[in-house]
Amino acid sequence: MSKTKTSAKADRKILRPRAMFFLNQANHAVRSRLDAALGVMEMTGIQYTVLSVIGAHAGLSSAELSRRFYVTPQTMNELISALERRDLIVRKADPANRRILRMNVTDTGRDMLSKCDALADAVEQDVFGAMPEEDYRRLAELARDLARHLRTRDEPAG
């Protein structure tokens, strides 16, 4: 990192109240709305999110997901096992390393994702509907970039 960027970060005034406080507060508010909406499908927000990620990135392992979601492997295994019991995902041994189980969404899981996506779309519209389109898009970009930065920074060197 250049000296200029390092200096700029070191000189940045920390906001009061903290930005991370507002981010956490917003997360809890949105998550409770999402959990309530998904309850009719007997899904939680985290189950839906995990199913969505597997649907978008077929072949992920439980270890990869646990790192992505900042949870322990045991917690992720519980989430995945619940999805598997409902026939929403299937795990198969990786041919190159039989100890690694790769996950894919089943037809039942794709149907569930479609229904949950519609519910999540309604929550997203409710939460962000009053926000100008440009602000909504910028917020989504900033949140995605922050998540990507934290994930890649925290990934083990391989």
N, C-alpha and C. Protein backbone atom coordinates (compact mmCIF):
# COMPACT_ATOMS: atom_id res chain seq x y z
N MET A 1 0.85 -1.17 0.00
CA MET A 1 0.00 0.00 0.00
C MET A 1 0.90 1.23 0.00
N SER A 2 0.51 2.23 -0.76
CA SER A 2 1.34 3.44 -0.86
C SER A 2 1.28 4.22 0.44
N LYS A 3 2.29 5.05 0.63
CA LYS A 3 2.37 5.84 1.85
C LYS A 3 1.19 6.81 1.93
N THR A 4 0.79 7.34 0.79
CA THR A 4 -0.33 8.28 0.75
C THR A 4 -1.61 7.61 1.24
N LYS A 5 -1.90 6.40 0.75
CA LYS A 5 -3.10 5.70 1.19
C LYS A 5 -3.03 5.36 2.67
N THR A 6 -1.87 4.92 3.12
CA THR A 6 -1.70 4.59 4.54
C THR A 6 -1.91 5.83 5.39
N SER A 7 -1.34 6.94 5.00
CA SER A 7 -1.50 8.18 5.76
C SER A 7 -2.95 8.62 5.78
N ALA A 8 -3.62 8.51 4.63
CA ALA A 8 -5.02 8.92 4.56
C ALA A 8 -5.86 8.08 5.50
N LYS A 9 -5.61 6.78 5.57
CA LYS A 9 -6.38 5.92 6.48
C LYS A 9 -6.07 6.26 7.93
N ALA A 10 -4.82 6.50 8.23
CA ALA A 10 -4.42 6.80 9.61
C ALA A 10 -5.01 8.13 10.06
N ASP A 11 -5.18 9.07 9.13
CA ASP A 11 -5.69 10.39 9.46
C ASP A 11 -7.21 10.48 9.45
N ARG A 12 -7.87 9.43 8.98
CA ARG A 12 -9.34 9.47 8.88
C ARG A 12 -9.94 9.63 10.26
N LYS A 13 -10.82 10.61 10.37
CA LYS A 13 -11.52 10.84 11.64
C LYS A 13 -12.60 9.78 11.80
N ILE A 14 -12.62 9.11 12.93
CA ILE A 14 -13.63 8.10 13.22
C ILE A 14 -14.94 8.82 13.52
N LEU A 15 -15.99 8.40 12.85
CA LEU A 15 -17.29 9.02 13.04
C LEU A 15 -17.89 8.64 14.39
N ARG A 16 -18.61 9.58 14.97
CA ARG A 16 -19.37 9.32 16.19
C ARG A 16 -20.79 9.78 15.95
N PRO A 17 -21.79 9.00 16.15
CA PRO A 17 -21.69 7.58 16.42
C PRO A 17 -21.01 6.84 15.27
N ARG A 18 -20.50 5.69 15.57
CA ARG A 18 -19.70 4.92 14.62
C ARG A 18 -20.54 4.40 13.45
N ALA A 19 -19.91 4.37 12.27
CA ALA A 19 -20.56 3.83 11.07
C ALA A 19 -20.92 2.37 11.29
N MET A 20 -20.05 1.61 11.98
CA MET A 20 -20.34 0.20 12.18
C MET A 20 -21.55 0.00 13.09
N PHE A 21 -21.83 0.96 13.95
CA PHE A 21 -23.04 0.88 14.77
C PHE A 21 -24.28 0.95 13.89
N PHE A 22 -24.31 1.91 12.98
CA PHE A 22 -25.46 2.06 12.09
C PHE A 22 -25.59 0.86 11.16
N LEU A 23 -24.47 0.34 10.68
CA LEU A 23 -24.49 -0.82 9.80
C LEU A 23 -25.10 -2.02 10.54
N ASN A 24 -24.69 -2.22 11.78
CA ASN A 24 -25.20 -3.32 12.59
C ASN A 24 -26.69 -3.13 12.89
N GLN A 25 -27.07 -1.91 13.22
CA GLN A 25 -28.47 -1.61 13.53
C GLN A 25 -29.36 -1.88 12.30
N ALA A 26 -28.91 -1.43 11.13
CA ALA A 26 -29.65 -1.66 9.89
C ALA A 26 -29.72 -3.14 9.59
N ASN A 27 -28.62 -3.86 9.78
CA ASN A 27 -28.60 -5.30 9.54
C ASN A 27 -29.65 -6.01 10.37
N HIS A 28 -29.73 -5.69 11.65
CA HIS A 28 -30.71 -6.35 12.51
C HIS A 28 -32.14 -6.03 12.09
N ALA A 29 -32.39 -4.80 11.71
CA ALA A 29 -33.74 -4.41 11.29
C ALA A 29 -34.15 -5.13 10.01
N VAL A 30 -33.24 -5.18 9.04
CA VAL A 30 -33.55 -5.83 7.76
C VAL A 30 -33.67 -7.34 7.96
N ARG A 31 -32.77 -7.90 8.75
CA ARG A 31 -32.78 -9.34 8.97
C ARG A 31 -34.07 -9.81 9.65
N SER A 32 -34.57 -9.03 10.61
CA SER A 32 -35.82 -9.42 11.28
C SER A 32 -36.98 -9.37 10.31
N ARG A 33 -36.99 -8.40 9.39
CA ARG A 33 -38.05 -8.34 8.37
C ARG A 33 -37.94 -9.53 7.41
N LEU A 34 -36.72 -9.86 7.01
CA LEU A 34 -36.52 -10.98 6.10
C LEU A 34 -36.92 -12.29 6.76
N ASP A 35 -36.50 -12.49 8.01
CA ASP A 35 -36.86 -13.72 8.73
C ASP A 35 -38.38 -13.85 8.85
N ALA A 36 -39.07 -12.75 9.11
CA ALA A 36 -40.53 -12.78 9.23
C ALA A 36 -41.16 -13.17 7.90
N ALA A 37 -40.69 -12.59 6.81
CA ALA A 37 -41.25 -12.89 5.49
C ALA A 37 -40.99 -14.34 5.10
N LEU A 38 -39.78 -14.83 5.37
CA LEU A 38 -39.41 -16.19 4.97
C LEU A 38 -40.03 -17.25 5.87
N GLY A 39 -40.54 -16.83 7.01
CA GLY A 39 -41.15 -17.77 7.95
C GLY A 39 -42.27 -18.59 7.33
N VAL A 40 -42.99 -17.99 6.37
CA VAL A 40 -44.08 -18.74 5.71
C VAL A 40 -43.54 -19.91 4.91
N MET A 41 -42.26 -19.86 4.53
CA MET A 41 -41.62 -20.96 3.80
C MET A 41 -40.82 -21.86 4.75
N GLU A 42 -40.92 -21.60 6.05
CA GLU A 42 -40.15 -22.30 7.07
C GLU A 42 -38.65 -22.21 6.79
N MET A 43 -38.25 -21.00 6.39
CA MET A 43 -36.84 -20.70 6.13
C MET A 43 -36.44 -19.51 6.98
N THR A 44 -35.17 -19.45 7.32
CA THR A 44 -34.63 -18.27 7.99
C THR A 44 -33.83 -17.48 6.96
N GLY A 45 -33.51 -16.26 7.31
CA GLY A 45 -32.71 -15.43 6.42
C GLY A 45 -31.36 -16.06 6.11
N ILE A 46 -30.72 -16.64 7.11
CA ILE A 46 -29.40 -17.23 6.88
C ILE A 46 -29.52 -18.49 6.02
N GLN A 47 -30.56 -19.30 6.22
CA GLN A 47 -30.75 -20.48 5.37
C GLN A 47 -30.97 -20.06 3.91
N TYR A 48 -31.80 -19.05 3.73
CA TYR A 48 -32.06 -18.54 2.38
C TYR A 48 -30.78 -18.01 1.74
N THR A 49 -29.99 -17.28 2.51
CA THR A 49 -28.75 -16.72 1.99
C THR A 49 -27.77 -17.82 1.60
N VAL A 50 -27.63 -18.83 2.46
CA VAL A 50 -26.74 -19.96 2.15
C VAL A 50 -27.23 -20.68 0.90
N LEU A 51 -28.52 -20.94 0.82
CA LEU A 51 -29.08 -21.60 -0.36
C LEU A 51 -28.83 -20.77 -1.62
N SER A 52 -28.98 -19.46 -1.50
CA SER A 52 -28.73 -18.57 -2.64
C SER A 52 -27.29 -18.62 -3.10
N VAL A 53 -26.37 -18.62 -2.15
CA VAL A 53 -24.94 -18.66 -2.49
C VAL A 53 -24.60 -19.99 -3.16
N ILE A 54 -25.12 -21.08 -2.63
CA ILE A 54 -24.88 -22.39 -3.27
C ILE A 54 -25.48 -22.39 -4.67
N GLY A 55 -26.65 -21.82 -4.82
CA GLY A 55 -27.28 -21.74 -6.13
C GLY A 55 -26.47 -20.93 -7.12
N ALA A 56 -25.83 -19.88 -6.64
CA ALA A 56 -25.04 -19.01 -7.52
C ALA A 56 -23.63 -19.55 -7.76
N HIS A 57 -23.13 -20.37 -6.82
CA HIS A 57 -21.76 -20.89 -6.90
C HIS A 57 -21.77 -22.39 -6.63
N ALA A 58 -22.30 -23.14 -7.55
CA ALA A 58 -22.40 -24.59 -7.38
C ALA A 58 -21.02 -25.18 -7.11
N GLY A 59 -20.99 -26.18 -6.25
CA GLY A 59 -19.76 -26.90 -5.97
C GLY A 59 -18.96 -26.37 -4.79
N LEU A 60 -19.51 -25.42 -4.07
CA LEU A 60 -18.81 -24.94 -2.88
C LEU A 60 -18.77 -26.03 -1.82
N SER A 61 -17.77 -25.95 -0.95
CA SER A 61 -17.70 -26.87 0.19
C SER A 61 -18.22 -26.16 1.43
N SER A 62 -18.49 -26.93 2.44
CA SER A 62 -18.93 -26.37 3.72
C SER A 62 -17.86 -25.46 4.32
N ALA A 63 -16.61 -25.84 4.19
CA ALA A 63 -15.52 -25.01 4.73
C ALA A 63 -15.48 -23.66 4.01
N GLU A 64 -15.67 -23.66 2.70
CA GLU A 64 -15.67 -22.40 1.95
C GLU A 64 -16.83 -21.51 2.39
N LEU A 65 -17.98 -22.13 2.61
CA LEU A 65 -19.13 -21.36 3.07
C LEU A 65 -18.93 -20.82 4.48
N SER A 66 -18.37 -21.61 5.36
CA SER A 66 -18.18 -21.13 6.74
C SER A 66 -17.24 -19.92 6.76
N ARG A 67 -16.21 -19.93 5.92
CA ARG A 67 -15.32 -18.76 5.84
C ARG A 67 -16.07 -17.56 5.27
N ARG A 68 -16.87 -17.78 4.25
CA ARG A 68 -17.62 -16.70 3.60
C ARG A 68 -18.61 -16.05 4.57
N PHE A 69 -19.20 -16.86 5.44
CA PHE A 69 -20.23 -16.36 6.35
C PHE A 69 -19.69 -16.05 7.76
N TYR A 70 -18.39 -16.22 7.96
CA TYR A 70 -17.78 -15.92 9.26
C TYR A 70 -18.43 -16.70 10.39
N VAL A 71 -18.70 -17.98 10.14
CA VAL A 71 -19.22 -18.85 11.19
C VAL A 71 -18.30 -20.06 11.31
N THR A 72 -18.45 -20.77 12.39
CA THR A 72 -17.62 -21.97 12.59
C THR A 72 -18.06 -23.06 11.61
N PRO A 73 -17.15 -23.99 11.30
CA PRO A 73 -17.54 -25.12 10.45
C PRO A 73 -18.72 -25.90 11.04
N GLN A 74 -18.79 -26.01 12.36
CA GLN A 74 -19.88 -26.73 13.00
C GLN A 74 -21.22 -26.03 12.75
N THR A 75 -21.24 -24.70 12.87
CA THR A 75 -22.46 -23.93 12.63
C THR A 75 -22.90 -24.09 11.18
N MET A 76 -21.95 -24.00 10.26
CA MET A 76 -22.30 -24.13 8.85
C MET A 76 -22.80 -25.53 8.56
N ASN A 77 -22.19 -26.54 9.17
CA ASN A 77 -22.64 -27.92 8.96
C ASN A 77 -24.09 -28.09 9.40
N GLU A 78 -24.47 -27.47 10.50
CA GLU A 78 -25.85 -27.54 10.97
C GLU A 78 -26.80 -26.91 9.95
N LEU A 79 -26.41 -25.74 9.42
CA LEU A 79 -27.23 -25.07 8.41
C LEU A 79 -27.37 -25.94 7.16
N ILE A 80 -26.27 -26.47 6.70
CA ILE A 80 -26.26 -27.29 5.49
C ILE A 80 -27.05 -28.57 5.70
N SER A 81 -26.89 -29.21 6.85
CA SER A 81 -27.63 -30.45 7.14
C SER A 81 -29.14 -30.20 7.11
N ALA A 82 -29.56 -29.05 7.64
CA ALA A 82 -31.00 -28.72 7.62
C ALA A 82 -31.49 -28.55 6.18
N LEU A 83 -30.70 -27.92 5.34
CA LEU A 83 -31.08 -27.75 3.93
C LEU A 83 -31.10 -29.10 3.21
N GLU A 84 -30.15 -29.94 3.56
CA GLU A 84 -30.06 -31.26 2.93
C GLU A 84 -31.24 -32.15 3.34
N ARG A 85 -31.63 -32.10 4.61
CA ARG A 85 -32.77 -32.90 5.09
C ARG A 85 -34.06 -32.52 4.37
N ARG A 86 -34.14 -31.27 3.95
CA ARG A 86 -35.34 -30.79 3.23
C ARG A 86 -35.22 -31.00 1.72
N ASP A 87 -34.16 -31.67 1.29
CA ASP A 87 -33.92 -31.95 -0.12
C ASP A 87 -33.76 -30.66 -0.94
N LEU A 88 -33.18 -29.63 -0.32
CA LEU A 88 -32.94 -28.37 -1.02
C LEU A 88 -31.55 -28.34 -1.64
N ILE A 89 -30.65 -29.11 -1.04
CA ILE A 89 -29.29 -29.24 -1.58
C ILE A 89 -28.88 -30.70 -1.53
N VAL A 90 -27.84 -31.01 -2.28
CA VAL A 90 -27.24 -32.34 -2.25
C VAL A 90 -25.74 -32.15 -2.12
N ARG A 91 -25.12 -33.03 -1.35
CA ARG A 91 -23.65 -33.00 -1.21
C ARG A 91 -23.08 -34.25 -1.85
N LYS A 92 -22.01 -34.04 -2.61
CA LYS A 92 -21.32 -35.16 -3.24
C LYS A 92 -19.82 -35.00 -3.04
N ALA A 93 -19.14 -36.13 -2.87
CA ALA A 93 -17.69 -36.11 -2.66
C ALA A 93 -16.98 -35.55 -3.89
N ASP A 94 -15.99 -34.72 -3.62
CA ASP A 94 -15.16 -34.17 -4.69
C ASP A 94 -14.29 -35.32 -5.23
N PRO A 95 -14.30 -35.53 -6.55
CA PRO A 95 -13.51 -36.64 -7.11
C PRO A 95 -12.01 -36.52 -6.82
N ALA A 96 -11.51 -35.30 -6.68
CA ALA A 96 -10.08 -35.10 -6.44
C ALA A 96 -9.71 -35.30 -4.97
N ASN A 97 -10.67 -35.09 -4.07
CA ASN A 97 -10.43 -35.24 -2.65
C ASN A 97 -11.74 -35.67 -2.00
N ARG A 98 -11.92 -36.96 -1.78
CA ARG A 98 -13.19 -37.53 -1.33
C ARG A 98 -13.62 -37.01 0.05
N ARG A 99 -12.70 -36.39 0.79
CA ARG A 99 -13.08 -35.83 2.10
C ARG A 99 -13.85 -34.53 1.96
N ILE A 100 -13.75 -33.89 0.80
CA ILE A 100 -14.45 -32.62 0.56
C ILE A 100 -15.79 -32.91 -0.09
N LEU A 101 -16.86 -32.39 0.51
CA LEU A 101 -18.20 -32.57 -0.04
C LEU A 101 -18.60 -31.29 -0.76
N ARG A 102 -18.92 -31.39 -2.03
CA ARG A 102 -19.35 -30.25 -2.86
C ARG A 102 -20.87 -30.21 -2.89
N MET A 103 -21.42 -29.01 -2.83
CA MET A 103 -22.87 -28.85 -2.75
C MET A 103 -23.47 -28.26 -4.01
N ASN A 104 -24.67 -28.72 -4.29
CA ASN A 104 -25.46 -28.19 -5.40
C ASN A 104 -26.91 -28.09 -4.95
N VAL A 105 -27.64 -27.16 -5.55
CA VAL A 105 -29.06 -26.99 -5.27
C VAL A 105 -29.84 -28.03 -6.08
N THR A 106 -30.82 -28.65 -5.44
CA THR A 106 -31.69 -29.62 -6.11
C THR A 106 -32.82 -28.88 -6.83
N ASP A 107 -33.62 -29.62 -7.57
CA ASP A 107 -34.80 -29.03 -8.21
C ASP A 107 -35.74 -28.44 -7.16
N THR A 108 -35.92 -29.17 -6.07
CA THR A 108 -36.75 -28.68 -4.96
C THR A 108 -36.15 -27.39 -4.40
N GLY A 109 -34.83 -27.36 -4.29
CA GLY A 109 -34.14 -26.16 -3.80
C GLY A 109 -34.30 -24.98 -4.74
N ARG A 110 -34.26 -25.23 -6.05
CA ARG A 110 -34.46 -24.14 -7.02
C ARG A 110 -35.87 -23.58 -6.92
N ASP A 111 -36.84 -24.45 -6.72
CA ASP A 111 -38.22 -24.01 -6.53
C ASP A 111 -38.33 -23.16 -5.26
N MET A 112 -37.70 -23.63 -4.19
CA MET A 112 -37.71 -22.88 -2.92
C MET A 112 -37.04 -21.53 -3.11
N LEU A 113 -35.90 -21.51 -3.80
CA LEU A 113 -35.20 -20.25 -4.04
C LEU A 113 -36.08 -19.26 -4.79
N SER A 114 -36.79 -19.73 -5.78
CA SER A 114 -37.68 -18.87 -6.55
C SER A 114 -38.74 -18.23 -5.66
N LYS A 115 -39.34 -19.02 -4.80
CA LYS A 115 -40.37 -18.50 -3.89
C LYS A 115 -39.77 -17.54 -2.86
N CYS A 116 -38.62 -17.90 -2.32
CA CYS A 116 -37.96 -17.04 -1.34
C CYS A 116 -37.44 -15.76 -1.97
N ASP A 117 -36.97 -15.84 -3.21
CA ASP A 117 -36.52 -14.64 -3.91
C ASP A 117 -37.66 -13.62 -4.02
N ALA A 118 -38.86 -14.10 -4.32
CA ALA A 118 -40.02 -13.19 -4.42
C ALA A 118 -40.30 -12.52 -3.08
N LEU A 119 -40.21 -13.29 -2.00
CA LEU A 119 -40.42 -12.72 -0.66
C LEU A 119 -39.32 -11.72 -0.32
N ALA A 120 -38.07 -12.07 -0.63
CA ALA A 120 -36.94 -11.17 -0.37
C ALA A 120 -37.05 -9.90 -1.21
N ASP A 121 -37.52 -10.03 -2.45
CA ASP A 121 -37.73 -8.85 -3.30
C ASP A 121 -38.71 -7.89 -2.64
N ALA A 122 -39.78 -8.43 -2.06
CA ALA A 122 -40.78 -7.59 -1.40
C ALA A 122 -40.18 -6.89 -0.17
N VAL A 123 -39.37 -7.61 0.59
CA VAL A 123 -38.72 -7.00 1.76
C VAL A 123 -37.76 -5.91 1.29
N GLU A 124 -36.99 -6.20 0.27
CA GLU A 124 -36.04 -5.22 -0.25
C GLU A 124 -36.77 -3.96 -0.73
N GLN A 125 -37.88 -4.14 -1.40
CA GLN A 125 -38.66 -3.00 -1.87
C GLN A 125 -39.19 -2.20 -0.68
N ASP A 126 -39.67 -2.90 0.35
CA ASP A 126 -40.18 -2.23 1.54
C ASP A 126 -39.07 -1.44 2.24
N VAL A 127 -37.91 -2.05 2.37
CA VAL A 127 -36.81 -1.42 3.11
C VAL A 127 -36.20 -0.25 2.33
N PHE A 128 -35.97 -0.45 1.04
CA PHE A 128 -35.24 0.55 0.26
C PHE A 128 -36.11 1.34 -0.72
N GLY A 129 -37.42 1.06 -0.74
CA GLY A 129 -38.30 1.67 -1.72
C GLY A 129 -38.32 3.20 -1.72
N ALA A 130 -38.17 3.81 -0.57
CA ALA A 130 -38.22 5.28 -0.49
C ALA A 130 -36.87 5.92 -0.83
N MET A 131 -35.84 5.10 -0.96
CA MET A 131 -34.50 5.61 -1.25
C MET A 131 -34.36 5.90 -2.74
N PRO A 132 -33.78 7.04 -3.10
CA PRO A 132 -33.54 7.31 -4.52
C PRO A 132 -32.71 6.19 -5.16
N GLU A 133 -33.02 5.85 -6.40
CA GLU A 133 -32.38 4.74 -7.12
C GLU A 133 -30.86 4.84 -7.07
N GLU A 134 -30.32 6.03 -7.28
CA GLU A 134 -28.86 6.21 -7.29
C GLU A 134 -28.26 5.88 -5.92
N ASP A 135 -28.93 6.30 -4.85
CA ASP A 135 -28.44 6.00 -3.50
C ASP A 135 -28.52 4.50 -3.21
N TYR A 136 -29.63 3.88 -3.65
CA TYR A 136 -29.81 2.44 -3.46
C TYR A 136 -28.69 1.67 -4.15
N ARG A 137 -28.42 2.01 -5.39
CA ARG A 137 -27.36 1.32 -6.14
C ARG A 137 -25.99 1.57 -5.50
N ARG A 138 -25.73 2.78 -5.05
CA ARG A 138 -24.45 3.10 -4.42
C ARG A 138 -24.29 2.35 -3.09
N LEU A 139 -25.37 2.28 -2.31
CA LEU A 139 -25.33 1.54 -1.06
C LEU A 139 -25.02 0.07 -1.32
N ALA A 140 -25.68 -0.52 -2.33
CA ALA A 140 -25.42 -1.92 -2.67
C ALA A 140 -23.97 -2.11 -3.10
N GLU A 141 -23.43 -1.19 -3.89
CA GLU A 141 -22.02 -1.29 -4.32
C GLU A 141 -21.07 -1.19 -3.12
N LEU A 142 -21.33 -0.24 -2.24
CA LEU A 142 -20.47 -0.06 -1.07
C LEU A 142 -20.51 -1.29 -0.16
N ALA A 143 -21.69 -1.82 0.07
CA ALA A 143 -21.83 -3.01 0.92
C ALA A 143 -21.14 -4.21 0.29
N ARG A 144 -21.32 -4.40 -1.03
CA ARG A 144 -20.66 -5.51 -1.73
C ARG A 144 -19.15 -5.36 -1.66
N ASP A 145 -18.65 -4.15 -1.91
CA ASP A 145 -17.20 -3.92 -1.88
C ASP A 145 -16.62 -4.13 -0.48
N LEU A 146 -17.34 -3.69 0.53
CA LEU A 146 -16.87 -3.88 1.90
C LEU A 146 -16.83 -5.37 2.24
N ALA A 147 -17.89 -6.09 1.90
CA ALA A 147 -17.91 -7.54 2.17
C ALA A 147 -16.79 -8.25 1.42
N ARG A 148 -16.60 -7.90 0.17
CA ARG A 148 -15.53 -8.51 -0.64
C ARG A 148 -14.16 -8.21 -0.04
N HIS A 149 -13.95 -6.97 0.35
CA HIS A 149 -12.66 -6.57 0.95
C HIS A 149 -12.39 -7.38 2.22
N LEU A 150 -13.38 -7.45 3.09
CA LEU A 150 -13.19 -8.18 4.35
C LEU A 150 -12.97 -9.66 4.11
N ARG A 151 -13.72 -10.23 3.16
CA ARG A 151 -13.58 -11.66 2.87
C ARG A 151 -12.21 -11.97 2.30
N THR A 152 -11.77 -11.20 1.32
CA THR A 152 -10.47 -11.48 0.69
C THR A 152 -9.32 -11.18 1.65
N ARG A 153 -9.48 -10.17 2.46
CA ARG A 153 -8.43 -9.85 3.44
C ARG A 153 -8.29 -10.96 4.47
N ASP A 154 -9.42 -11.57 4.83
CA ASP A 154 -9.42 -12.58 5.87
C ASP A 154 -9.19 -14.01 5.37
N GLU A 155 -9.17 -14.21 4.04
CA GLU A 155 -8.95 -15.54 3.49
C GLU A 155 -7.53 -16.00 3.79
N PRO A 156 -7.39 -17.27 4.13
CA PRO A 156 -6.03 -17.77 4.39
C PRO A 156 -5.20 -17.75 3.11
N ALA A 157 -3.93 -17.44 3.26
CA ALA A 157 -3.03 -17.45 2.09
C ALA A 157 -2.90 -18.88 1.62
N GLY A 158 -3.05 -19.07 0.31
CA GLY A 158 -3.06 -20.44 -0.14
C GLY A 158 -1.98 -20.72 -1.09
